[in-house]
Amino acid sequence: MYEARRKIFWFAIISRIIVLSLQFIFNLLCPDHDADAFKSPTDKSEQVSLYDSLITILFGGLARWDGEYFLHIAKYGYTYENTLAFYPLYPLLIRIISVPIKKIFFVLNIHSSVLIAAMLVNVICFVKSAVIFYDLSKAVLKTTNVAYKAAILYCINPATIFFSAAYSESLFAYLTYYSMLRSIKLDPYVSFPIGLSILTRSNGVINIGFPIYYQLQKLSYDYSKKHANFSLKTFCQFMFKAGTLKSFCIMVNIIIISIIPFILLQIHNYLMFCIPNLNLIFIPEHIVNFSVMNNLVLPGNSYVEWCHLKIPMAYSYIQKKYWNLGFLNYYEIKQIPNFILAFPILYIMMKCIKEFFFEHKKYFYTLGFIKDTEDNVQTERKKYPTEMLVFVIHGLFLTIFCILFVHIQVSTRLISSASPLIYWYCALLICHTSYNDHLYDDKENVFSKWKIFFFSSKKEYSLKDKLIFSYFLGYGVVGCFMFPNFLPWT
């Protein structure tokens, strides 16, 4: 019999093989759409061998849309102002791993080496993120059955193509879920994965809230154990105890260490773009020519507008200038198809948040800092464990942010890589036919490395189950067709 964690590991691998195969087939069969999007300039002096052409045929579909930016940064660094919208950890990993690939497979050029490196980073990070997500789900949901199904759904999530393409989704998901798990365990060193997640995506900053929440919750529970009723005297005595002061020092330490990478990144961006220097000399000629043709701002330019802001941070300025991001800026008639595209995941998130709120109103109002003895007594009759609260609040923030500020279609991949709620909600829905924790799948499946519950022909599924599978698999397959051919997707 295969344990659930091991089956998740193998299914994560097979899911990546399927996604890579589908993008190859669709990219081969269909011509690329001539999209109005950034395409990194090609170096005409770079030799292209037969092996390079083969790599482009196999994995070229992964380098579309924002993937062009990440690969460009990995090859040349931050040569244009608009590239600052993409955080550096993922392209840095690509660059580091591409070096030994280029030396071992010396017949490949730099572009091919970088493309292979991007694919390898994502496959490894995705498999690790799936296993970590299972551990996180089990820690929160307290049941192998639901945790297993949630992790399987993660492996076939609606934005699955972005977890294999040259995007930072897989790396960010791994760092985020790992940070969440370490926060639950009150790990004082959780600031390191959180700091790395901030260097991967801008919304990584939100992850700082998890360890702070669990530290505050621990202090609240410690106080309530010793003092049945609140009083100013007992509270002051508790606050100045050695254990309490230690917890506050840990929280301050977590915040400082987590935010340091972000501050260093802003300093780097300012020094590179806002101080006239000789950076232009080291930029390849074809990169400079491309900037002239497309009116792109190079480092060391005589005037960069965001450098003169009160707080000279590039990210929000660039998002507004190049992608028109801002409050309700995307609410236009022509964007209705994109709102329809994002509707399923936003609906699932809002449905989950609403149901949790009405199930645990008292616990929600107290933010989980006061134990609800009534909830603990009635746990068996309730759908959602109270341990989900901080993830519900996190999911609520992401959902509101997506609806009001971002390009709405991005909601699918942003939420899929940052919040576990969509997987937990859908897993809880399809667990109406209960398996015990020992037998988490169909009897014949637990002895197979590859077989999983939704491929079982013997099991009868409800309409809700079929809608969930249709959404996850449908978006997954359509994404594997749309994205590699430069067609607009999530």
Protein backbone atom coordinates (compact mmCIF):
# COMPACT_ATOMS: atom_id res chain seq x y z
CA MET A 1 0.00 0.00 0.00
CA TYR A 2 1.28 3.48 -0.93
CA GLU A 3 0.91 6.16 1.71
CA ALA A 4 -0.91 9.32 0.64
CA ARG A 5 2.21 11.52 0.72
CA ARG A 6 4.07 9.17 -1.62
CA LYS A 7 1.16 9.04 -4.06
CA ILE A 8 1.07 12.85 -4.12
CA PHE A 9 4.77 12.88 -5.01
CA TRP A 10 4.30 10.54 -7.97
CA PHE A 11 1.10 12.18 -9.18
CA ALA A 12 2.79 15.59 -9.12
CA ILE A 13 5.49 14.18 -11.42
CA ILE A 14 3.01 12.57 -13.82
CA SER A 15 0.94 15.75 -13.93
CA ARG A 16 4.04 17.73 -15.05
CA ILE A 17 4.80 15.14 -17.74
CA ILE A 18 1.22 15.45 -19.03
CA VAL A 19 1.31 19.28 -19.01
CA LEU A 20 4.69 19.38 -20.80
CA SER A 21 3.43 16.88 -23.36
CA LEU A 22 0.21 18.79 -24.00
CA GLN A 23 1.96 22.14 -24.47
CA PHE A 24 4.38 20.47 -26.90
CA ILE A 25 1.56 18.89 -28.94
CA PHE A 26 -0.57 22.05 -29.07
CA ASN A 27 2.41 24.27 -29.84
CA LEU A 28 3.44 21.93 -32.66
CA LEU A 29 -0.01 21.63 -34.20
CA CYS A 30 -1.14 25.28 -34.01
CA PRO A 31 0.59 28.42 -35.27
CA ASP A 32 1.43 31.12 -32.73
CA HIS A 33 -0.90 34.08 -32.49
CA ASP A 34 0.75 37.41 -33.28
CA ALA A 35 0.20 38.88 -29.82
CA ASP A 36 0.84 42.47 -28.85
CA ALA A 37 3.22 41.49 -26.07
CA PHE A 38 6.85 41.88 -25.05
CA LYS A 39 9.20 39.56 -26.92
CA SER A 40 12.80 39.56 -25.84
CA PRO A 41 15.17 40.67 -28.65
CA THR A 42 17.19 37.86 -30.19
CA ASP A 43 20.95 38.00 -30.46
CA LYS A 44 21.68 37.44 -34.16
CA SER A 45 25.30 36.60 -33.37
CA GLU A 46 24.20 33.63 -31.22
CA GLN A 47 24.53 30.36 -33.11
CA VAL A 48 21.50 28.10 -33.34
CA SER A 49 22.32 24.42 -33.71
CA LEU A 50 20.02 21.51 -34.54
CA TYR A 51 19.86 20.75 -30.81
CA ASP A 52 18.75 24.31 -30.05
CA SER A 53 15.96 23.99 -32.60
CA LEU A 54 14.89 20.74 -30.97
CA ILE A 55 14.77 22.37 -27.52
CA THR A 56 12.66 25.21 -28.95
CA ILE A 57 10.23 22.70 -30.46
CA LEU A 58 9.97 20.74 -27.21
CA PHE A 59 9.78 23.58 -24.70
CA GLY A 60 9.29 26.77 -26.69
CA GLY A 61 5.62 26.88 -25.68
CA LEU A 62 6.70 27.55 -22.09
CA ALA A 63 8.29 30.90 -23.00
CA ARG A 64 5.21 32.99 -23.70
CA TRP A 65 3.74 36.21 -22.29
CA ASP A 66 5.48 37.02 -18.97
CA GLY A 67 7.79 34.08 -19.56
CA GLU A 68 9.58 36.29 -22.09
CA TYR A 69 10.38 38.74 -19.29
CA PHE A 70 11.70 36.10 -16.90
CA LEU A 71 13.96 34.53 -19.52
CA HIS A 72 15.15 37.97 -20.64
CA ILE A 73 16.09 38.88 -17.06
CA ALA A 74 17.83 35.53 -16.61
CA LYS A 75 19.96 36.19 -19.71
CA TYR A 76 20.62 39.93 -19.53
CA GLY A 77 19.48 41.19 -16.12
CA TYR A 78 17.20 44.20 -15.63
CA THR A 79 17.97 46.01 -18.85
CA TYR A 80 14.61 47.81 -19.25
CA GLU A 81 12.47 49.72 -16.77
CA ASN A 82 9.43 47.50 -17.35
CA THR A 83 11.38 44.37 -16.33
CA LEU A 84 11.48 45.68 -12.74
CA ALA A 85 7.87 44.47 -12.36
CA PHE A 86 9.26 40.92 -12.19
CA TYR A 87 11.02 39.97 -8.97
CA PRO A 88 14.52 38.48 -9.15
CA LEU A 89 14.64 35.13 -7.31
CA TYR A 90 13.16 32.99 -10.09
CA PRO A 91 15.26 34.43 -12.96
CA LEU A 92 18.32 34.28 -10.68
CA LEU A 93 17.78 30.56 -10.09
CA ILE A 94 17.36 30.07 -13.83
CA ARG A 95 20.63 31.88 -14.51
CA ILE A 96 22.55 29.87 -11.88
CA ILE A 97 21.25 26.49 -13.07
CA SER A 98 21.73 27.35 -16.75
CA VAL A 99 25.51 27.71 -16.23
CA PRO A 100 26.24 23.99 -15.55
CA ILE A 101 23.67 23.01 -18.20
CA LYS A 102 25.56 25.10 -20.77
CA LYS A 103 28.88 23.56 -19.74
CA ILE A 104 27.63 19.97 -19.75
CA PHE A 105 25.60 20.31 -22.95
CA PHE A 106 28.05 22.60 -24.73
CA VAL A 107 26.25 22.23 -28.06
CA LEU A 108 23.37 24.31 -26.69
CA ASN A 109 23.33 28.09 -26.84
CA ILE A 110 22.47 30.37 -23.92
CA HIS A 111 18.77 30.65 -24.76
CA SER A 112 18.29 26.87 -24.83
CA SER A 113 20.21 26.45 -21.56
CA VAL A 114 18.08 29.10 -19.89
CA LEU A 115 14.85 27.56 -21.20
CA ILE A 116 15.79 24.10 -19.90
CA ALA A 117 16.80 25.61 -16.55
CA ALA A 118 13.44 27.38 -16.26
CA MET A 119 11.59 24.13 -16.93
CA LEU A 120 13.70 22.16 -14.42
CA VAL A 121 13.27 24.76 -11.67
CA ASN A 122 9.51 24.67 -12.10
CA VAL A 123 9.19 20.87 -12.20
CA ILE A 124 11.29 20.47 -9.05
CA CYS A 125 9.54 23.30 -7.21
CA PHE A 126 6.11 22.04 -8.25
CA VAL A 127 6.71 18.50 -6.98
CA LYS A 128 8.08 19.85 -3.70
CA SER A 129 5.17 22.29 -3.39
CA ALA A 130 2.62 19.49 -3.88
CA VAL A 131 4.15 17.42 -1.08
CA ILE A 132 4.45 20.45 1.22
CA PHE A 133 0.87 21.41 0.40
CA TYR A 134 -0.26 17.93 1.49
CA ASP A 135 1.61 18.37 4.80
CA LEU A 136 0.05 21.80 5.29
CA SER A 137 -3.44 20.49 4.47
CA LYS A 138 -3.09 17.62 6.92
CA ALA A 139 -1.87 19.99 9.65
CA VAL A 140 -4.88 22.29 9.17
CA LEU A 141 -7.69 19.91 8.16
CA LYS A 142 -6.62 17.09 10.52
CA THR A 143 -7.59 14.36 8.07
CA THR A 144 -5.59 12.41 5.51
CA ASN A 145 -8.62 11.90 3.29
CA VAL A 146 -9.34 15.59 2.58
CA ALA A 147 -5.66 16.59 2.59
CA TYR A 148 -4.91 13.94 -0.05
CA LYS A 149 -7.74 15.06 -2.32
CA ALA A 150 -6.81 18.74 -1.90
CA ALA A 151 -3.22 17.97 -2.95
CA ILE A 152 -4.43 16.00 -5.99
CA LEU A 153 -6.59 18.96 -7.00
CA TYR A 154 -3.57 21.23 -6.59
CA CYS A 155 -1.67 19.06 -9.09
CA ILE A 156 -4.38 19.65 -11.71
CA ASN A 157 -5.26 23.20 -10.69
CA PRO A 158 -6.94 25.57 -13.22
CA ALA A 159 -3.71 27.55 -13.74
CA THR A 160 -1.55 24.44 -14.09
CA ILE A 161 0.17 25.56 -17.30
CA PHE A 162 1.71 28.52 -15.42
CA PHE A 163 3.24 26.14 -12.89
CA SER A 164 5.29 24.58 -15.71
CA ALA A 165 5.81 27.60 -17.97
CA ALA A 166 8.63 30.09 -17.39
CA TYR A 167 6.66 31.77 -14.60
CA SER A 168 7.39 32.06 -10.88
CA GLU A 169 4.15 30.33 -9.77
CA SER A 170 5.71 26.99 -8.73
CA LEU A 171 8.56 28.59 -6.80
CA PHE A 172 6.20 31.02 -5.09
CA ALA A 173 3.69 28.29 -4.19
CA TYR A 174 6.44 26.16 -2.66
CA LEU A 175 7.84 29.03 -0.57
CA THR A 176 4.35 30.18 0.46
CA TYR A 177 3.05 26.77 1.56
CA TYR A 178 6.32 26.03 3.31
CA SER A 179 6.12 29.38 5.13
CA MET A 180 2.53 28.62 6.17
CA LEU A 181 3.48 25.20 7.51
CA ARG A 182 6.48 26.52 9.45
CA SER A 183 4.31 29.32 10.85
CA ILE A 184 1.87 26.77 12.27
CA LYS A 185 4.81 25.02 13.94
CA LEU A 186 5.98 28.39 15.38
CA ASP A 187 9.36 28.05 13.67
CA PRO A 188 11.45 31.13 14.59
CA TYR A 189 13.37 30.75 11.30
CA VAL A 190 10.25 31.04 9.12
CA SER A 191 11.44 34.52 8.09
CA PHE A 192 13.91 32.98 5.62
CA PRO A 193 11.35 31.27 3.33
CA ILE A 194 9.08 34.31 3.71
CA GLY A 195 11.93 36.63 2.65
CA LEU A 196 12.56 34.41 -0.38
CA SER A 197 8.85 34.45 -1.28
CA ILE A 198 8.98 38.26 -1.19
CA LEU A 199 11.89 38.12 -3.65
CA THR A 200 9.75 35.89 -5.88
CA ARG A 201 6.47 37.80 -6.04
CA SER A 202 5.23 41.12 -4.67
CA ASN A 203 2.32 39.51 -2.78
CA GLY A 204 4.86 37.49 -0.79
CA VAL A 205 4.83 40.39 1.70
CA ILE A 206 1.42 39.16 2.92
CA ASN A 207 3.04 35.92 4.12
CA ILE A 208 4.58 37.82 7.04
CA GLY A 209 1.10 37.82 8.58
CA PHE A 210 1.07 34.05 9.17
CA PRO A 211 3.89 33.72 11.74
CA ILE A 212 2.77 36.94 13.44
CA TYR A 213 -0.78 35.60 13.73
CA TYR A 214 0.28 32.26 15.22
CA GLN A 215 2.64 33.93 17.69
CA LEU A 216 -0.13 36.29 18.85
CA GLN A 217 -2.61 33.42 19.06
CA LYS A 218 -0.18 31.45 21.23
CA LEU A 219 0.22 34.42 23.58
CA SER A 220 -3.55 34.85 23.76
CA TYR A 221 -4.07 31.17 24.63
CA ASP A 222 -1.28 31.28 27.22
CA TYR A 223 -2.91 34.26 28.90
CA SER A 224 -6.40 32.73 28.90
CA LYS A 225 -5.08 29.50 30.46
CA LYS A 226 -3.78 31.35 33.50
CA HIS A 227 -6.41 34.08 33.78
CA ALA A 228 -10.08 33.27 33.37
CA ASN A 229 -11.09 36.94 33.35
CA PHE A 230 -9.27 39.88 31.82
CA SER A 231 -7.84 42.57 34.07
CA LEU A 232 -5.34 45.31 33.40
CA LYS A 233 -3.10 44.18 36.26
CA THR A 234 -2.83 40.53 35.15
CA PHE A 235 -2.41 41.62 31.53
CA CYS A 236 0.52 43.93 32.40
CA GLN A 237 2.11 41.20 34.50
CA PHE A 238 1.74 38.75 31.63
CA MET A 239 3.17 41.20 29.08
CA PHE A 240 6.38 41.66 31.06
CA LYS A 241 7.04 37.97 31.60
CA ALA A 242 10.19 36.54 30.01
CA GLY A 243 8.24 34.18 27.74
CA THR A 244 6.00 36.97 26.44
CA LEU A 245 8.93 39.29 25.77
CA LYS A 246 10.71 36.46 23.97
CA SER A 247 7.66 35.97 21.70
CA PHE A 248 7.58 39.66 20.84
CA CYS A 249 11.31 39.60 20.08
CA ILE A 250 10.71 36.64 17.75
CA MET A 251 7.93 38.56 15.95
CA VAL A 252 10.08 41.67 15.51
CA ASN A 253 12.94 39.48 14.29
CA ILE A 254 10.66 37.74 11.78
CA ILE A 255 9.40 41.05 10.39
CA ILE A 256 12.88 42.57 10.06
CA ILE A 257 14.55 39.53 8.46
CA SER A 258 11.59 38.94 6.12
CA ILE A 259 11.52 42.52 4.90
CA ILE A 260 15.30 43.00 4.46
CA PRO A 261 15.39 41.31 0.99
CA PHE A 262 12.59 43.60 -0.16
CA ILE A 263 14.44 46.71 1.04
CA LEU A 264 17.67 45.57 -0.61
CA LEU A 265 15.78 45.02 -3.86
CA GLN A 266 14.42 48.58 -3.78
CA ILE A 267 17.92 49.94 -3.12
CA HIS A 268 19.27 47.89 -6.04
CA ASN A 269 16.57 49.21 -8.37
CA TYR A 270 17.21 52.79 -7.31
CA LEU A 271 20.99 52.56 -7.71
CA MET A 272 20.60 50.91 -11.11
CA PHE A 273 18.03 53.21 -12.68
CA CYS A 274 18.08 56.46 -10.73
CA ILE A 275 21.78 57.22 -10.50
CA PRO A 276 23.49 58.11 -13.81
CA ASN A 277 26.21 55.55 -14.34
CA LEU A 278 28.02 53.50 -16.95
CA ASN A 279 25.55 50.57 -16.97
CA LEU A 280 24.70 51.35 -20.58
CA ILE A 281 28.23 50.38 -21.67
CA PHE A 282 27.73 46.79 -20.47
CA ILE A 283 24.37 46.27 -22.15
CA PRO A 284 24.61 44.32 -25.45
CA GLU A 285 24.08 46.33 -28.60
CA HIS A 286 20.95 44.44 -29.72
CA ILE A 287 19.34 45.17 -26.32
CA VAL A 288 20.06 48.90 -26.71
CA ASN A 289 18.75 48.93 -30.28
CA PHE A 290 15.55 47.19 -29.16
CA SER A 291 15.02 49.86 -26.48
CA VAL A 292 15.34 52.61 -29.08
CA MET A 293 12.89 50.95 -31.44
CA ASN A 294 10.31 50.30 -28.70
CA ASN A 295 10.84 53.41 -26.59
CA LEU A 296 11.97 51.45 -23.50
CA VAL A 297 13.85 53.06 -20.61
CA LEU A 298 17.39 51.79 -19.99
CA PRO A 299 19.33 51.90 -16.69
CA GLY A 300 21.13 55.16 -16.04
CA ASN A 301 18.70 57.13 -18.20
CA SER A 302 18.84 60.87 -17.66
CA TYR A 303 15.27 61.01 -16.36
CA VAL A 304 13.27 58.16 -14.78
CA GLU A 305 9.98 59.43 -13.41
CA TRP A 306 9.53 57.07 -10.44
CA CYS A 307 12.97 58.03 -9.12
CA HIS A 308 11.56 61.44 -8.18
CA LEU A 309 8.60 60.16 -6.16
CA LYS A 310 8.55 60.74 -2.40
CA ILE A 311 9.05 57.00 -1.93
CA PRO A 312 11.01 55.94 -5.05
CA MET A 313 9.62 52.42 -5.52
CA ALA A 314 9.41 51.15 -9.07
CA TYR A 315 6.85 48.34 -8.81
CA SER A 316 3.52 50.17 -8.44
CA TYR A 317 4.57 52.93 -10.84
CA ILE A 318 5.60 50.43 -13.55
CA GLN A 319 2.45 48.34 -13.09
CA LYS A 320 0.34 51.44 -13.67
CA LYS A 321 2.44 52.84 -16.54
CA TYR A 322 2.83 49.65 -18.60
CA TRP A 323 -0.19 47.55 -17.54
CA ASN A 324 -2.67 50.21 -16.32
CA LEU A 325 -3.09 48.56 -12.93
CA GLY A 326 -5.08 50.54 -10.39
CA PHE A 327 -8.34 50.74 -8.49
CA LEU A 328 -11.18 49.63 -10.84
CA ASN A 329 -9.02 50.47 -13.89
CA TYR A 330 -9.94 47.15 -15.51
CA TYR A 331 -13.69 47.70 -15.37
CA GLU A 332 -14.41 48.15 -19.08
CA ILE A 333 -17.02 46.61 -21.36
CA LYS A 334 -14.35 44.97 -23.53
CA GLN A 335 -12.99 43.10 -20.47
CA ILE A 336 -16.24 41.18 -19.85
CA PRO A 337 -14.78 37.91 -21.30
CA ASN A 338 -11.89 38.15 -18.83
CA PHE A 339 -14.32 38.67 -15.94
CA ILE A 340 -16.16 35.53 -17.06
CA LEU A 341 -12.84 33.67 -17.21
CA ALA A 342 -12.00 34.64 -13.62
CA PHE A 343 -15.51 34.14 -12.25
CA PRO A 344 -15.22 30.44 -11.21
CA ILE A 345 -12.24 30.86 -8.89
CA LEU A 346 -13.59 34.09 -7.39
CA TYR A 347 -16.96 32.42 -6.83
CA ILE A 348 -15.33 29.42 -5.12
CA MET A 349 -13.27 31.69 -2.87
CA MET A 350 -16.26 33.84 -1.87
CA LYS A 351 -18.43 30.76 -1.31
CA CYS A 352 -15.82 29.19 0.98
CA ILE A 353 -15.28 32.43 2.93
CA LYS A 354 -19.03 32.97 3.34
CA GLU A 355 -19.68 29.42 4.56
CA PHE A 356 -16.79 29.54 7.01
CA PHE A 357 -17.98 32.88 8.38
CA PHE A 358 -21.54 31.66 9.03
CA GLU A 359 -20.25 28.41 10.53
CA HIS A 360 -17.77 30.10 12.90
CA LYS A 361 -19.12 33.62 13.45
CA LYS A 362 -17.96 33.97 17.05
CA TYR A 363 -14.53 32.57 16.30
CA PHE A 364 -14.25 34.84 13.25
CA TYR A 365 -15.14 37.98 15.23
CA THR A 366 -12.44 37.22 17.83
CA LEU A 367 -9.92 36.40 15.04
CA GLY A 368 -9.32 33.06 16.74
CA PHE A 369 -7.57 34.63 19.74
CA ILE A 370 -10.26 33.30 22.10
CA LYS A 371 -10.96 29.59 22.09
CA ASP A 372 -14.56 28.77 21.27
CA THR A 373 -15.46 25.82 23.50
CA GLU A 374 -18.80 25.42 21.72
CA ASP A 375 -17.03 24.98 18.39
CA ASN A 376 -14.70 22.40 19.90
CA VAL A 377 -17.65 20.37 21.19
CA GLN A 378 -19.46 20.44 17.84
CA THR A 379 -16.43 19.85 15.61
CA GLU A 380 -17.83 16.58 14.20
CA ARG A 381 -20.95 18.31 12.89
CA LYS A 382 -19.11 21.18 11.23
CA LYS A 383 -17.70 21.26 7.74
CA TYR A 384 -14.75 23.61 8.30
CA PRO A 385 -12.14 23.29 11.05
CA THR A 386 -11.54 26.52 12.97
CA GLU A 387 -7.83 26.23 12.11
CA MET A 388 -8.71 27.53 8.64
CA LEU A 389 -9.47 31.03 9.96
CA VAL A 390 -6.17 32.76 9.14
CA PHE A 391 -6.23 31.21 5.65
CA VAL A 392 -9.80 32.46 5.16
CA ILE A 393 -8.73 36.00 6.10
CA HIS A 394 -5.73 35.71 3.76
CA GLY A 395 -8.00 34.41 0.98
CA LEU A 396 -10.50 37.22 1.58
CA PHE A 397 -7.76 39.82 1.15
CA LEU A 398 -6.51 38.20 -2.08
CA THR A 399 -10.04 37.94 -3.49
CA ILE A 400 -10.88 41.60 -2.79
CA PHE A 401 -7.51 42.69 -4.18
CA CYS A 402 -8.07 40.69 -7.39
CA ILE A 403 -11.58 42.08 -7.89
CA LEU A 404 -10.59 45.71 -7.36
CA PHE A 405 -7.01 46.15 -8.52
CA VAL A 406 -5.51 43.54 -10.87
CA HIS A 407 -6.19 42.41 -14.41
CA ILE A 408 -9.11 40.21 -13.44
CA GLN A 409 -8.06 37.15 -15.49
CA VAL A 410 -4.82 36.96 -13.48
CA SER A 411 -6.96 36.03 -10.45
CA THR A 412 -6.88 32.36 -11.43
CA ARG A 413 -3.11 31.93 -11.29
CA LEU A 414 -2.57 34.44 -8.49
CA ILE A 415 -4.99 32.67 -6.13
CA SER A 416 -4.01 29.17 -7.30
CA SER A 417 -0.39 29.77 -6.27
CA ALA A 418 -1.02 31.73 -3.08
CA SER A 419 -4.11 30.42 -1.29
CA PRO A 420 -4.97 26.84 -0.28
CA LEU A 421 -8.67 27.68 0.12
CA ILE A 422 -9.81 26.72 -3.37
CA TYR A 423 -8.33 23.23 -2.98
CA TRP A 424 -9.62 22.73 0.55
CA TYR A 425 -13.13 23.84 -0.32
CA CYS A 426 -13.37 21.59 -3.38
CA ALA A 427 -11.79 18.65 -1.54
CA LEU A 428 -14.32 19.00 1.27
CA LEU A 429 -17.14 19.01 -1.29
CA ILE A 430 -16.01 15.80 -2.99
CA CYS A 431 -15.45 14.01 0.32
CA HIS A 432 -19.18 13.45 0.84
CA THR A 433 -18.48 9.73 0.43
CA SER A 434 -16.13 9.31 3.35
CA TYR A 435 -13.02 7.19 3.43
CA ASN A 436 -11.26 6.73 6.74
CA ASP A 437 -7.77 8.11 7.18
CA HIS A 438 -6.23 4.70 6.58
CA LEU A 439 -8.11 4.11 3.33
CA TYR A 440 -7.91 7.59 1.80
CA ASP A 441 -8.73 6.44 -1.76
CA ASP A 442 -10.53 3.59 -3.52
CA LYS A 443 -9.30 0.14 -2.41
CA GLU A 444 -7.65 -0.70 -5.72
CA ASN A 445 -6.00 2.73 -5.96
CA VAL A 446 -4.08 2.64 -2.67
CA PHE A 447 -1.93 -0.19 -4.04
CA SER A 448 -1.11 1.72 -7.24
CA LYS A 449 1.50 4.42 -7.68
CA TRP A 450 -0.50 6.22 -10.38
CA LYS A 451 -4.24 5.51 -9.96
CA ILE A 452 -6.22 8.18 -8.15
CA PHE A 453 -9.83 8.67 -7.13
CA PHE A 454 -11.25 10.72 -10.04
CA PHE A 455 -10.04 8.17 -12.62
CA SER A 456 -12.05 5.44 -10.88
CA SER A 457 -14.84 4.09 -13.07
CA LYS A 458 -16.63 2.36 -10.18
CA LYS A 459 -17.31 5.47 -8.14
CA GLU A 460 -20.45 7.52 -8.72
CA TYR A 461 -19.97 11.27 -8.58
CA SER A 462 -22.52 13.95 -7.83
CA LEU A 463 -23.14 16.92 -10.12
CA LYS A 464 -20.97 19.12 -7.85
CA ASP A 465 -18.10 16.64 -8.14
CA LYS A 466 -18.36 16.63 -11.92
CA LEU A 467 -18.45 20.42 -12.08
CA ILE A 468 -15.29 20.61 -9.96
CA PHE A 469 -13.42 18.08 -12.11
CA SER A 470 -14.67 19.79 -15.28
CA TYR A 471 -13.43 23.18 -14.07
CA PHE A 472 -10.00 21.94 -12.97
CA LEU A 473 -9.33 19.64 -15.92
CA GLY A 474 -11.08 21.87 -18.46
CA TYR A 475 -9.10 24.97 -17.55
CA GLY A 476 -5.95 22.87 -17.38
CA VAL A 477 -6.29 21.46 -20.90
CA VAL A 478 -7.50 24.72 -22.46
CA GLY A 479 -4.61 26.55 -20.78
CA CYS A 480 -2.15 24.06 -22.29
CA PHE A 481 -3.59 24.98 -25.70
CA MET A 482 -3.96 28.75 -25.30
CA PHE A 483 -0.74 29.70 -23.53
CA PRO A 484 1.86 28.01 -25.79
CA ASN A 485 0.25 29.60 -28.85
CA PHE A 486 0.44 33.15 -27.46
CA LEU A 487 -3.33 33.28 -27.02
CA PRO A 488 -4.72 35.28 -24.08
CA TRP A 489 -5.29 33.17 -20.98
CA THR A 490 -5.26 33.64 -17.23
